Amino acid sequence: MLEHSKTWINFNYTCVATAYVMLALAIAYMPVDLATKGYIAMGLFFLSGSLVTLVKTLHDVRVGTEFTTKLEKARQEKILNEYVSQ
């Protein structure tokens, strides 16, 4: 698996932080009442949580699939080695 550099990781953190700050400023200066701003902020909060959950779930599925594939390959290799050594 490819390891990411610290620069790349920091760049991504910076992008996410910048996006949240820009959205917060946009909501704060939006010419609507406080209830509408709160509703939009709650939507942003729940969208962020859902995205984190989705990314973690997809990562877990991929890691599980990779582990299962490695396990199946090891099992097949063991069977082949036992067959060849007979």
Protein backbone atom coordinates (compact mmCIF):
# COMPACT_ATOMS: atom_id res chain seq x y z
CA MET A 1 0.00 0.00 0.00
CA LEU A 2 1.29 3.46 -0.88
CA GLU A 3 2.23 5.63 2.09
CA HIS A 4 1.30 9.30 1.90
CA SER A 5 3.84 12.01 2.73
CA LYS A 6 3.33 14.33 5.69
CA THR A 7 3.10 17.24 3.26
CA TRP A 8 0.19 15.63 1.44
CA ILE A 9 -1.60 14.83 4.70
CA ASN A 10 -1.09 18.38 6.00
CA PHE A 11 -2.32 19.77 2.67
CA ASN A 12 -5.53 17.77 3.01
CA TYR A 13 -6.07 18.92 6.61
CA THR A 14 -5.53 22.50 5.48
CA CYS A 15 -8.02 22.14 2.64
CA VAL A 16 -10.69 20.72 4.94
CA ALA A 17 -10.11 23.41 7.56
CA THR A 18 -10.23 26.15 4.91
CA ALA A 19 -13.48 24.76 3.51
CA TYR A 20 -15.09 24.70 6.98
CA VAL A 21 -13.93 28.25 7.74
CA MET A 22 -15.26 29.51 4.40
CA LEU A 23 -18.60 27.76 4.95
CA ALA A 24 -18.85 29.13 8.48
CA LEU A 25 -18.19 32.66 7.21
CA ALA A 26 -20.71 32.21 4.41
CA ILE A 27 -23.36 31.05 6.89
CA ALA A 28 -22.52 33.85 9.34
CA TYR A 29 -22.81 36.60 6.72
CA MET A 30 -25.78 35.11 4.89
CA PRO A 31 -28.66 37.64 4.82
CA VAL A 32 -31.23 35.31 6.43
CA ASP A 33 -32.65 34.88 9.91
CA LEU A 34 -30.87 32.94 12.66
CA ALA A 35 -33.15 29.90 12.38
CA THR A 36 -32.23 29.43 8.71
CA LYS A 37 -28.53 29.79 9.51
CA GLY A 38 -28.89 27.18 12.27
CA TYR A 39 -30.71 24.82 9.92
CA ILE A 40 -27.95 25.13 7.31
CA ALA A 41 -25.24 24.68 9.96
CA MET A 42 -26.95 21.51 11.26
CA GLY A 43 -27.11 20.17 7.72
CA LEU A 44 -23.40 20.84 7.30
CA PHE A 45 -22.66 19.11 10.62
CA PHE A 46 -24.67 15.99 9.72
CA LEU A 47 -23.23 15.88 6.19
CA SER A 48 -19.71 15.96 7.63
CA GLY A 49 -20.49 13.12 10.05
CA SER A 50 -22.07 11.06 7.31
CA LEU A 51 -19.06 11.54 5.03
CA VAL A 52 -16.66 10.46 7.77
CA THR A 53 -18.77 7.36 8.43
CA LEU A 54 -18.98 6.54 4.70
CA VAL A 55 -15.23 6.88 4.18
CA LYS A 56 -14.46 4.72 7.22
CA THR A 57 -16.96 2.07 6.10
CA LEU A 58 -15.52 1.95 2.57
CA HIS A 59 -12.00 1.73 3.99
CA ASP A 60 -13.00 -1.12 6.31
CA VAL A 61 -14.61 -3.01 3.41
CA ARG A 62 -11.46 -2.59 1.29
CA VAL A 63 -9.14 -3.70 4.09
CA GLY A 64 -11.40 -6.68 4.82
CA THR A 65 -11.42 -7.67 1.17
CA GLU A 66 -7.63 -7.41 0.96
CA PHE A 67 -7.24 -9.54 4.10
CA THR A 68 -9.66 -12.17 2.79
CA THR A 69 -7.79 -12.29 -0.53
CA LYS A 70 -4.44 -12.73 1.23
CA LEU A 71 -5.91 -15.45 3.44
CA GLU A 72 -7.35 -17.32 0.45
CA LYS A 73 -4.03 -17.09 -1.44
CA ALA A 74 -2.13 -18.42 1.58
CA ARG A 75 -4.59 -21.30 1.94
CA GLN A 76 -4.30 -22.17 -1.77
CA GLU A 77 -0.51 -22.02 -1.60
CA LYS A 78 -0.48 -24.33 1.42
CA ILE A 79 -2.69 -26.85 -0.41
CA LEU A 80 -0.48 -26.66 -3.51
CA ASN A 81 2.69 -27.11 -1.45
CA GLU A 82 1.20 -30.16 0.28
CA TYR A 83 0.16 -31.62 -3.08
CA VAL A 84 3.58 -31.01 -4.69
CA SER A 85 5.51 -32.50 -1.73
CA GLN A 86 3.58 -35.79 -1.93
